[in-house]
Amino acid sequence: MKGNVPSRALLRLLWLFSVTCLWAQEPQKATPVKLEMAVETALQNYPVIRAAQSQAASAEANIDLARTALQPKVDFLWQQNLASRNNVFGLLLPQSTIPGISGPVLGTASFASAFGSATGILLSWEPLDFGQRQANIDLARSVNAQAQAQIVVTRLDVATTAADAFLAVIAREQAVRAVQANVERMEIFSNAVHVLVENQLRPGADASRTEAELIAARNQLIQAQQNAALARATLAEAIGQAGATLDVDAGNLLELPPDPPPVTNTDVTRHPFLLAQQANLDVILARRHVLDRSYYPKLNWQTALFARGTGALLDTQIKYTRGFYPDTANWATGISLTFSPTDIFALRAKKRAEAFSYNAEQARYDQTSQRLKAEDARAKVMLDAARKLATNAPLQLKAAQETELRIRARYQAELATVTEVAEAQRLFAQAEVENALAKLSVWRALLAQAKANGDLQPFLNLLRR
């Protein structure tokens, strides 16, 4: 007996190891997704939000870029060349093809070459710009504010789309359950009719009719299941997990929601959509301000320290030991003032273009304001109608159920036809579907109202209640 103790312990260890391996291989069931989780996941994972955030970060970086124009500019140059030394008198118009040669006219056509070198540092600073650089900084800030407003709009769209897709999945599932129940009732009734037909208590046409109704009900179930699967795929895409298999938890969505608190903030100008449109207007105004500050002289203070070296001598001789490095130094400082009077024509044309762009954006602003007010009015009508329908749906379901039971009893007593039974069952099935979707319609109306108000938080708070 004592000799078997180690073997028994080994067997127990092997058994525990096998059980542990089987448990590890067993797929873990995913946690059902609730509406709040779906919205949060969408805000974290949806690519368009990351794109908007990256654009906002780029716009913020452009503010720092615009500020660099306020700093002095330093340029460094080093040049080494080997070239002929011929030089001539005469005018040469500004161009970018022929290199310049300094020095006196040597009066020779020789192509003999000499080494040359040059180096220098130039410090440039514009102490006075009449507000143009600050206008460019303000423009960059306006573009950044525009990008930030677009993030809020994108988050509202993504959250609303995810919530609506979640409600659609719940609605499709409820429709599947209702149609499935109808199929089961149809199967029971069809079997009963077949028994009556086989016992020659009903004509064979009744069996054919019930079979046709049963097949039609099964086809409706297939379509309902297809719609539910498509709704799940849409939800997975809406939360940034396209292709994933999701298990949803309806939570309180199958209950009639309580009355929401009254909306205290009715200022439509604070809606994210209108704030984004206002940001577009601000960008155009900032561009116009830049144009207003562009028709001014440019004042630059420049200081240079430079040196040159050459192997070409004044007596037309060439000294090959010179020119490899700069050996003649100079310095210079001064102020330059530049102004282009003809720029006024281009600036006027640009200002006219910006004025038309502003009018177009102002029209879009007004259109968005009208659309938001109309959406809020429609949402209120939808909410009122949805609550009334949700109150009548149980009464309709009860009446349809009683009608179906009585018609079926009349059929069994040979007082009704199979057509009447089929019609009563279709009415019952339709009432079941409408009753299942009635409460969800109230939630959808609340979601539409929250989007029209520009804030989904009251909707989510109502769901938690």
Protein backbone atom coordinates (compact mmCIF):
# COMPACT_ATOMS: atom_id res chain seq x y z
CA MET A 1 0.00 0.00 0.00
CA LYS A 2 2.78 2.40 0.88
CA GLY A 3 4.41 1.78 -2.49
CA ASN A 4 1.27 3.02 -4.28
CA VAL A 5 1.17 6.46 -2.58
CA PRO A 6 3.62 8.17 -4.99
CA SER A 7 1.81 6.71 -8.02
CA ARG A 8 -1.54 7.96 -6.73
CA ALA A 9 -0.11 11.43 -6.15
CA LEU A 10 1.30 11.43 -9.67
CA LEU A 11 -2.08 10.41 -11.09
CA ARG A 12 -3.75 13.23 -9.20
CA LEU A 13 -1.25 15.74 -10.52
CA LEU A 14 -1.78 14.49 -14.07
CA TRP A 15 -5.54 14.75 -13.63
CA LEU A 16 -5.32 18.30 -12.31
CA PHE A 17 -3.01 19.24 -15.19
CA SER A 18 -5.40 17.81 -17.79
CA VAL A 19 -8.38 19.59 -16.23
CA THR A 20 -6.44 22.86 -16.19
CA CYS A 21 -5.50 22.46 -19.86
CA LEU A 22 -9.10 21.72 -20.85
CA TRP A 23 -10.32 24.78 -18.93
CA ALA A 24 -7.71 26.95 -20.60
CA GLN A 25 -8.73 25.68 -24.05
CA GLU A 26 -12.42 26.28 -23.40
CA PRO A 27 -13.41 29.58 -25.07
CA GLN A 28 -14.33 32.28 -22.63
CA LYS A 29 -17.75 33.76 -23.18
CA ALA A 30 -17.61 37.42 -24.06
CA THR A 31 -19.25 39.91 -21.74
CA PRO A 32 -22.51 41.21 -23.21
CA VAL A 33 -22.26 44.75 -24.54
CA LYS A 34 -24.57 47.39 -23.09
CA LEU A 35 -25.49 50.63 -24.77
CA GLU A 36 -23.22 52.76 -22.59
CA MET A 37 -20.32 50.39 -23.27
CA ALA A 38 -21.02 50.50 -27.00
CA VAL A 39 -20.91 54.31 -27.00
CA GLU A 40 -17.70 54.38 -24.95
CA THR A 41 -16.05 51.77 -27.18
CA ALA A 42 -17.01 53.72 -30.29
CA LEU A 43 -15.51 56.92 -28.89
CA GLN A 44 -12.26 55.08 -28.12
CA ASN A 45 -11.86 52.94 -31.23
CA TYR A 46 -13.59 54.59 -34.19
CA PRO A 47 -10.90 55.69 -36.69
CA VAL A 48 -12.57 58.94 -37.73
CA ILE A 49 -12.17 60.29 -34.18
CA ARG A 50 -8.44 59.54 -34.23
CA ALA A 51 -8.23 61.30 -37.60
CA ALA A 52 -9.98 64.40 -36.22
CA GLN A 53 -7.70 64.40 -33.17
CA SER A 54 -4.61 64.16 -35.38
CA GLN A 55 -5.83 67.06 -37.50
CA ALA A 56 -6.37 69.11 -34.35
CA ALA A 57 -2.85 68.27 -33.15
CA SER A 58 -1.48 69.33 -36.54
CA ALA A 59 -3.39 72.62 -36.33
CA GLU A 60 -2.01 73.22 -32.84
CA ALA A 61 1.52 72.61 -34.10
CA ASN A 62 0.94 75.22 -36.82
CA ILE A 63 0.44 77.81 -34.06
CA ASP A 64 4.03 77.24 -32.93
CA LEU A 65 5.09 77.42 -36.58
CA ALA A 66 3.43 80.82 -36.97
CA ARG A 67 5.14 82.07 -33.81
CA THR A 68 8.57 81.31 -35.29
CA ALA A 69 8.06 84.25 -37.67
CA LEU A 70 8.55 86.57 -34.67
CA GLN A 71 12.09 85.30 -34.12
CA PRO A 72 15.21 86.60 -35.87
CA LYS A 73 16.46 84.56 -38.81
CA VAL A 74 20.07 83.38 -39.08
CA ASP A 75 21.53 82.13 -42.38
CA PHE A 76 24.95 80.49 -42.77
CA LEU A 77 26.82 80.01 -46.02
CA TRP A 78 30.00 78.26 -47.11
CA GLN A 79 30.98 78.11 -50.75
CA GLN A 80 33.93 76.59 -52.58
CA ASN A 81 34.33 77.00 -56.36
CA LEU A 82 36.68 76.71 -59.27
CA ALA A 83 35.86 79.11 -62.13
CA SER A 84 37.34 81.31 -64.82
CA ARG A 85 38.11 84.92 -63.85
CA ASN A 86 36.91 86.89 -66.91
CA ASN A 87 34.70 89.87 -66.11
CA VAL A 88 32.95 92.46 -68.29
CA PHE A 89 31.14 95.74 -67.91
CA GLY A 90 27.42 95.90 -68.61
CA LEU A 91 23.98 95.42 -67.22
CA LEU A 92 22.61 92.04 -66.28
CA LEU A 93 18.91 91.88 -65.43
CA PRO A 94 17.86 89.85 -62.38
CA GLN A 95 17.81 86.19 -63.28
CA SER A 96 18.74 82.76 -61.90
CA THR A 97 20.89 81.32 -64.69
CA ILE A 98 24.17 83.22 -65.06
CA PRO A 99 26.49 83.25 -61.99
CA GLY A 100 27.79 86.66 -60.95
CA ILE A 101 31.49 87.59 -61.06
CA SER A 102 32.96 90.38 -58.94
CA GLY A 103 36.10 92.35 -59.65
CA PRO A 104 37.49 94.64 -62.37
CA VAL A 105 37.42 93.97 -66.10
CA LEU A 106 40.57 92.10 -66.98
CA GLY A 107 40.34 92.49 -70.75
CA THR A 108 41.25 88.90 -71.50
CA ALA A 109 39.45 86.01 -73.13
CA SER A 110 41.39 83.36 -71.26
CA PHE A 111 39.47 80.49 -69.72
CA ALA A 112 42.13 80.01 -67.07
CA SER A 113 40.51 79.22 -63.75
CA ALA A 114 41.19 80.09 -60.14
CA PHE A 115 39.90 78.77 -56.83
CA GLY A 116 37.47 80.82 -54.81
CA SER A 117 35.72 80.49 -51.47
CA ALA A 118 33.17 82.37 -49.41
CA THR A 119 31.52 82.10 -46.05
CA GLY A 120 29.22 84.26 -44.00
CA ILE A 121 26.50 84.62 -41.40
CA LEU A 122 23.45 86.84 -41.95
CA LEU A 123 21.13 87.87 -39.11
CA SER A 124 17.74 89.21 -40.25
CA TRP A 125 14.98 90.55 -38.06
CA GLU A 126 11.75 92.32 -38.86
CA PRO A 127 11.14 94.62 -35.87
CA LEU A 128 7.97 96.16 -37.34
CA ASP A 129 5.39 94.31 -39.42
CA PHE A 130 2.20 96.31 -38.73
CA GLY A 131 0.52 93.27 -37.15
CA GLN A 132 0.86 90.83 -40.05
CA ARG A 133 2.71 88.11 -38.13
CA GLN A 134 0.29 88.34 -35.20
CA ALA A 135 -2.56 88.06 -37.69
CA ASN A 136 -1.02 84.85 -39.01
CA ILE A 137 -0.77 83.54 -35.44
CA ASP A 138 -4.43 84.39 -34.87
CA LEU A 139 -5.28 82.58 -38.10
CA ALA A 140 -3.46 79.47 -36.89
CA ARG A 141 -5.39 79.66 -33.62
CA SER A 142 -8.67 79.93 -35.50
CA VAL A 143 -7.78 76.87 -37.57
CA ASN A 144 -6.96 75.02 -34.34
CA ALA A 145 -10.31 76.04 -32.83
CA GLN A 146 -11.99 74.83 -36.00
CA ALA A 147 -10.29 71.44 -35.67
CA GLN A 148 -11.23 71.21 -31.98
CA ALA A 149 -14.87 71.97 -32.81
CA GLN A 150 -14.79 69.29 -35.47
CA ILE A 151 -13.66 66.76 -32.86
CA VAL A 152 -16.76 67.51 -30.79
CA VAL A 153 -18.97 67.14 -33.86
CA THR A 154 -17.30 63.87 -34.79
CA ARG A 155 -17.66 62.47 -31.29
CA LEU A 156 -21.36 63.39 -31.24
CA ASP A 157 -21.91 61.72 -34.63
CA VAL A 158 -19.99 58.59 -33.66
CA ALA A 159 -21.73 58.26 -30.28
CA THR A 160 -25.16 58.79 -31.81
CA THR A 161 -24.48 56.32 -34.60
CA ALA A 162 -23.30 53.69 -32.11
CA ALA A 163 -26.33 54.21 -29.85
CA ASP A 164 -28.74 54.06 -32.79
CA ALA A 165 -27.04 50.92 -34.11
CA PHE A 166 -27.35 49.33 -30.66
CA LEU A 167 -31.07 50.16 -30.50
CA ALA A 168 -31.45 48.70 -33.99
CA VAL A 169 -29.89 45.41 -32.83
CA ILE A 170 -32.27 45.20 -29.87
CA ALA A 171 -35.23 45.98 -32.15
CA ARG A 172 -34.20 43.29 -34.65
CA GLU A 173 -33.78 40.75 -31.87
CA GLN A 174 -37.22 41.53 -30.49
CA ALA A 175 -38.66 41.14 -33.98
CA VAL A 176 -36.95 37.75 -34.29
CA ARG A 177 -38.47 36.60 -30.99
CA ALA A 178 -41.94 37.72 -32.04
CA VAL A 179 -41.70 36.06 -35.45
CA GLN A 180 -40.25 32.91 -33.85
CA ALA A 181 -43.25 32.73 -31.51
CA ASN A 182 -45.57 33.12 -34.48
CA VAL A 183 -43.82 30.27 -36.30
CA GLU A 184 -44.23 28.03 -33.27
CA ARG A 185 -47.94 28.84 -33.06
CA MET A 186 -48.31 28.22 -36.77
CA GLU A 187 -46.59 24.85 -36.44
CA ILE A 188 -48.95 23.81 -33.64
CA PHE A 189 -52.01 24.93 -35.59
CA SER A 190 -50.77 23.30 -38.80
CA ASN A 191 -50.23 19.99 -37.03
CA ALA A 192 -53.72 20.21 -35.56
CA VAL A 193 -55.24 20.93 -38.96
CA HIS A 194 -53.35 18.03 -40.54
CA VAL A 195 -54.80 15.71 -37.89
CA LEU A 196 -58.28 16.94 -38.67
CA VAL A 197 -57.72 16.52 -42.39
CA GLU A 198 -56.32 13.02 -41.98
CA ASN A 199 -59.43 12.14 -39.96
CA GLN A 200 -61.54 13.68 -42.79
CA LEU A 201 -62.94 16.29 -40.39
CA ARG A 202 -61.65 19.18 -42.54
CA PRO A 203 -61.08 19.55 -46.25
CA GLY A 204 -57.58 19.08 -47.65
CA ALA A 205 -57.49 22.73 -48.72
CA ASP A 206 -57.23 23.71 -45.07
CA ALA A 207 -54.03 21.69 -44.68
CA SER A 208 -52.55 23.29 -47.81
CA ARG A 209 -53.48 26.75 -46.61
CA THR A 210 -51.94 26.24 -43.18
CA GLU A 211 -48.82 24.79 -44.80
CA ALA A 212 -48.52 27.86 -47.01
CA GLU A 213 -48.99 30.17 -44.01
CA LEU A 214 -46.37 28.21 -42.06
CA ILE A 215 -43.84 28.49 -44.90
CA ALA A 216 -44.54 32.22 -45.18
CA ALA A 217 -43.99 32.59 -41.41
CA ARG A 218 -40.70 30.70 -41.68
CA ASN A 219 -39.61 32.97 -44.52
CA GLN A 220 -40.40 35.98 -42.35
CA LEU A 221 -38.28 34.42 -39.60
CA ILE A 222 -35.37 33.97 -42.01
CA GLN A 223 -35.63 37.60 -43.08
CA ALA A 224 -35.88 38.73 -39.45
CA GLN A 225 -32.77 36.72 -38.56
CA GLN A 226 -30.95 38.18 -41.55
CA ASN A 227 -31.88 41.71 -40.50
CA ALA A 228 -30.68 40.96 -36.95
CA ALA A 229 -27.35 39.67 -38.24
CA LEU A 230 -26.92 42.73 -40.46
CA ALA A 231 -27.75 44.99 -37.51
CA ARG A 232 -25.06 43.27 -35.44
CA ALA A 233 -22.54 43.79 -38.23
CA THR A 234 -23.50 47.46 -38.42
CA LEU A 235 -23.09 47.81 -34.67
CA ALA A 236 -19.65 46.17 -34.76
CA GLU A 237 -18.58 48.64 -37.44
CA ALA A 238 -20.08 51.59 -35.55
CA ILE A 239 -18.00 50.87 -32.43
CA GLY A 240 -14.79 50.30 -34.38
CA GLN A 241 -14.76 46.48 -34.15
CA ALA A 242 -15.89 45.53 -37.64
CA GLY A 243 -16.23 41.79 -38.14
CA ALA A 244 -16.49 41.01 -34.42
CA THR A 245 -19.30 38.85 -33.03
CA LEU A 246 -21.11 40.85 -30.37
CA ASP A 247 -23.48 39.73 -27.65
CA VAL A 248 -25.71 42.63 -26.59
CA ASP A 249 -27.50 43.25 -23.31
CA ALA A 250 -30.71 45.27 -23.64
CA GLY A 251 -30.69 46.33 -19.99
CA ASN A 252 -33.46 48.86 -19.35
CA LEU A 253 -34.20 49.40 -23.03
CA LEU A 254 -37.11 46.91 -22.95
CA GLU A 255 -38.83 49.02 -20.31
CA LEU A 256 -40.74 52.22 -20.86
CA PRO A 257 -38.34 55.06 -19.98
CA PRO A 258 -39.30 57.57 -17.30
CA ASP A 259 -40.17 61.11 -18.21
CA PRO A 260 -36.94 63.00 -18.91
CA PRO A 261 -36.22 66.19 -16.99
CA PRO A 262 -37.16 69.36 -18.86
CA VAL A 263 -34.51 70.77 -21.13
CA THR A 264 -33.25 74.01 -19.56
CA ASN A 265 -30.71 74.96 -22.24
CA THR A 266 -32.60 75.77 -25.43
CA ASP A 267 -29.84 77.93 -26.94
CA VAL A 268 -29.27 76.30 -30.31
CA THR A 269 -26.14 78.40 -30.86
CA ARG A 270 -24.31 76.19 -28.33
CA HIS A 271 -24.92 73.07 -30.39
CA PRO A 272 -21.65 71.45 -31.57
CA PHE A 273 -22.76 71.63 -35.21
CA LEU A 274 -23.31 75.40 -34.99
CA LEU A 275 -20.11 75.89 -33.02
CA ALA A 276 -18.24 74.12 -35.82
CA GLN A 277 -19.91 76.38 -38.40
CA GLN A 278 -19.01 79.42 -36.31
CA ALA A 279 -15.41 78.19 -36.26
CA ASN A 280 -15.48 78.14 -40.08
CA LEU A 281 -16.64 81.75 -40.08
CA ASP A 282 -13.89 82.71 -37.63
CA VAL A 283 -11.26 81.17 -39.91
CA ILE A 284 -12.48 83.27 -42.84
CA LEU A 285 -12.44 86.41 -40.69
CA ALA A 286 -8.88 85.59 -39.60
CA ARG A 287 -7.79 85.20 -43.22
CA ARG A 288 -9.36 88.55 -44.06
CA HIS A 289 -7.48 90.12 -41.15
CA VAL A 290 -4.21 88.74 -42.55
CA LEU A 291 -5.03 90.33 -45.91
CA ASP A 292 -5.79 93.64 -44.19
CA ARG A 293 -2.32 93.56 -42.63
CA SER A 294 -0.50 92.58 -45.82
CA TYR A 295 -0.50 95.92 -47.70
CA TYR A 296 2.23 97.53 -45.61
CA PRO A 297 5.97 98.11 -46.11
CA LYS A 298 8.34 95.49 -44.81
CA LEU A 299 11.13 96.73 -42.56
CA ASN A 300 14.12 94.45 -42.00
CA TRP A 301 17.25 94.94 -39.95
CA GLN A 302 20.16 92.87 -41.29
CA THR A 303 23.65 92.27 -39.97
CA ALA A 304 26.20 90.16 -41.81
CA LEU A 305 29.72 88.90 -41.11
CA PHE A 306 31.34 87.38 -44.17
CA ALA A 307 34.67 86.60 -45.81
CA ARG A 308 35.87 85.68 -49.29
CA GLY A 309 38.98 84.25 -50.83
CA THR A 310 40.21 84.05 -54.44
CA GLY A 311 43.28 83.05 -56.39
CA ALA A 312 42.65 85.65 -59.16
CA LEU A 313 44.90 88.74 -58.82
CA LEU A 314 44.36 92.25 -60.18
CA ASP A 315 47.37 91.96 -62.53
CA THR A 316 45.60 89.09 -64.37
CA GLN A 317 47.85 86.58 -62.67
CA ILE A 318 46.60 83.48 -60.89
CA LYS A 319 47.89 82.39 -57.54
CA TYR A 320 47.01 78.76 -57.05
CA THR A 321 47.92 78.78 -53.38
CA ARG A 322 45.07 81.15 -52.55
CA GLY A 323 41.32 80.82 -52.77
CA PHE A 324 40.92 77.54 -50.85
CA TYR A 325 39.75 79.40 -47.75
CA PRO A 326 38.33 82.89 -47.15
CA ASP A 327 41.06 85.33 -46.22
CA THR A 328 39.34 88.69 -46.71
CA ALA A 329 36.69 89.47 -44.07
CA ASN A 330 34.00 92.15 -43.95
CA TRP A 331 30.98 93.04 -41.93
CA ALA A 332 27.83 95.02 -42.63
CA THR A 333 24.68 96.17 -40.90
CA GLY A 334 21.68 98.12 -42.15
CA ILE A 335 17.94 98.52 -42.49
CA SER A 336 16.00 97.75 -45.64
CA LEU A 337 12.46 98.87 -46.46
CA THR A 338 10.53 97.09 -49.23
CA PHE A 339 7.06 97.83 -50.54
CA SER A 340 5.09 96.58 -53.56
CA PRO A 341 2.29 99.01 -54.45
CA THR A 342 0.88 96.76 -57.16
CA ASP A 343 0.03 94.09 -54.57
CA ILE A 344 -3.15 96.02 -53.85
CA PHE A 345 -4.87 94.56 -56.91
CA ALA A 346 -4.24 90.96 -55.85
CA LEU A 347 -5.20 91.76 -52.26
CA ARG A 348 -8.49 93.29 -53.37
CA ALA A 349 -9.32 90.20 -55.41
CA LYS A 350 -8.48 87.95 -52.48
CA LYS A 351 -10.65 90.03 -50.14
CA ARG A 352 -13.59 89.74 -52.53
CA ALA A 353 -13.11 85.98 -52.66
CA GLU A 354 -13.01 85.80 -48.87
CA ALA A 355 -16.18 87.92 -48.67
CA PHE A 356 -18.03 85.47 -50.91
CA SER A 357 -16.68 82.55 -48.87
CA TYR A 358 -17.93 84.22 -45.70
CA ASN A 359 -21.39 84.70 -47.19
CA ALA A 360 -21.47 81.03 -48.19
CA GLU A 361 -20.45 79.85 -44.71
CA GLN A 362 -22.97 82.24 -43.14
CA ALA A 363 -25.68 80.67 -45.28
CA ARG A 364 -24.56 77.20 -44.16
CA TYR A 365 -24.67 78.43 -40.56
CA ASP A 366 -28.26 79.61 -41.00
CA GLN A 367 -29.19 76.37 -42.75
CA THR A 368 -27.68 74.31 -39.92
CA SER A 369 -29.56 76.39 -37.37
CA GLN A 370 -32.84 75.79 -39.19
CA ARG A 371 -32.11 72.08 -39.48
CA LEU A 372 -31.35 71.72 -35.78
CA LYS A 373 -34.53 73.53 -34.80
CA ALA A 374 -36.53 71.31 -37.16
CA GLU A 375 -34.87 68.16 -35.81
CA ASP A 376 -35.71 69.19 -32.26
CA ALA A 377 -39.34 69.82 -33.21
CA ARG A 378 -39.56 66.49 -35.03
CA ALA A 379 -37.97 64.69 -32.09
CA LYS A 380 -40.59 66.12 -29.73
CA VAL A 381 -43.39 64.98 -32.04
CA MET A 382 -41.80 61.54 -32.38
CA LEU A 383 -41.41 61.24 -28.62
CA ASP A 384 -45.01 62.18 -27.94
CA ALA A 385 -46.32 59.77 -30.57
CA ALA A 386 -43.97 56.99 -29.43
CA ARG A 387 -45.21 57.25 -25.84
CA LYS A 388 -48.81 57.08 -26.99
CA LEU A 389 -48.09 54.06 -29.20
CA ALA A 390 -46.23 52.38 -26.34
CA THR A 391 -49.35 52.82 -24.20
CA ASN A 392 -51.67 51.39 -26.86
CA ALA A 393 -49.40 48.53 -27.97
CA PRO A 394 -50.15 46.21 -24.99
CA LEU A 395 -53.88 46.78 -25.47
CA GLN A 396 -53.56 45.97 -29.15
CA LEU A 397 -51.56 42.84 -28.34
CA LYS A 398 -54.13 41.67 -25.81
CA ALA A 399 -57.00 42.21 -28.23
CA ALA A 400 -55.15 40.44 -31.04
CA GLN A 401 -54.33 37.50 -28.77
CA GLU A 402 -57.94 37.15 -27.65
CA THR A 403 -59.09 37.39 -31.26
CA GLU A 404 -56.68 34.65 -32.34
CA LEU A 405 -57.79 32.35 -29.52
CA ARG A 406 -61.48 32.88 -30.24
CA ILE A 407 -61.10 32.44 -34.00
CA ARG A 408 -59.14 29.25 -33.45
CA ALA A 409 -61.85 27.99 -31.06
CA ARG A 410 -64.50 28.87 -33.65
CA TYR A 411 -62.50 26.97 -36.25
CA GLN A 412 -62.37 23.89 -34.05
CA ALA A 413 -66.13 24.22 -33.63
CA GLU A 414 -66.48 24.51 -37.42
CA LEU A 415 -67.78 28.08 -37.13
CA ALA A 416 -64.80 29.78 -38.84
CA THR A 417 -62.64 29.13 -41.86
CA VAL A 418 -58.91 28.56 -41.96
CA THR A 419 -58.58 31.89 -43.78
CA GLU A 420 -60.00 33.70 -40.75
CA VAL A 421 -57.58 31.84 -38.50
CA ALA A 422 -54.61 32.79 -40.72
CA GLU A 423 -55.70 36.42 -40.75
CA ALA A 424 -56.06 36.42 -36.95
CA GLN A 425 -52.62 34.88 -36.55
CA ARG A 426 -51.03 37.47 -38.82
CA LEU A 427 -52.74 40.20 -36.84
CA PHE A 428 -51.46 38.63 -33.62
CA ALA A 429 -47.91 38.37 -34.99
CA GLN A 430 -47.98 42.00 -36.15
CA ALA A 431 -49.23 43.11 -32.74
CA GLU A 432 -46.42 41.17 -31.05
CA VAL A 433 -43.79 42.86 -33.20
CA GLU A 434 -45.29 46.32 -32.67
CA ASN A 435 -45.52 45.73 -28.93
CA ALA A 436 -41.89 44.61 -28.82
CA LEU A 437 -40.76 47.71 -30.74
CA ALA A 438 -43.04 50.24 -29.07
CA LYS A 439 -40.83 50.87 -26.02
CA LEU A 440 -37.70 50.92 -28.14
CA SER A 441 -39.34 53.59 -30.31
CA VAL A 442 -39.56 55.80 -27.22
CA TRP A 443 -35.85 55.32 -26.56
CA ARG A 444 -35.06 56.10 -30.20
CA ALA A 445 -37.11 59.29 -30.00
CA LEU A 446 -35.20 60.28 -26.85
CA LEU A 447 -31.93 59.61 -28.67
CA ALA A 448 -33.04 61.78 -31.58
CA GLN A 449 -33.97 64.56 -29.17
CA ALA A 450 -30.58 64.29 -27.42
CA LYS A 451 -28.77 64.57 -30.75
CA ALA A 452 -30.92 67.56 -31.72
CA ASN A 453 -29.87 69.18 -28.41
CA GLY A 454 -26.22 68.31 -29.05
CA ASP A 455 -25.62 66.30 -25.87
CA LEU A 456 -26.12 62.56 -25.33
CA GLN A 457 -25.38 62.68 -21.61
CA PRO A 458 -29.03 63.30 -20.55
CA PHE A 459 -30.05 60.27 -22.63
CA LEU A 460 -27.43 58.07 -20.97
CA ASN A 461 -28.40 59.38 -17.52
CA LEU A 462 -32.04 58.54 -18.24
CA LEU A 463 -30.98 55.03 -19.26
CA ARG A 464 -29.16 54.56 -15.94
CA ARG A 465 -32.30 55.64 -14.07
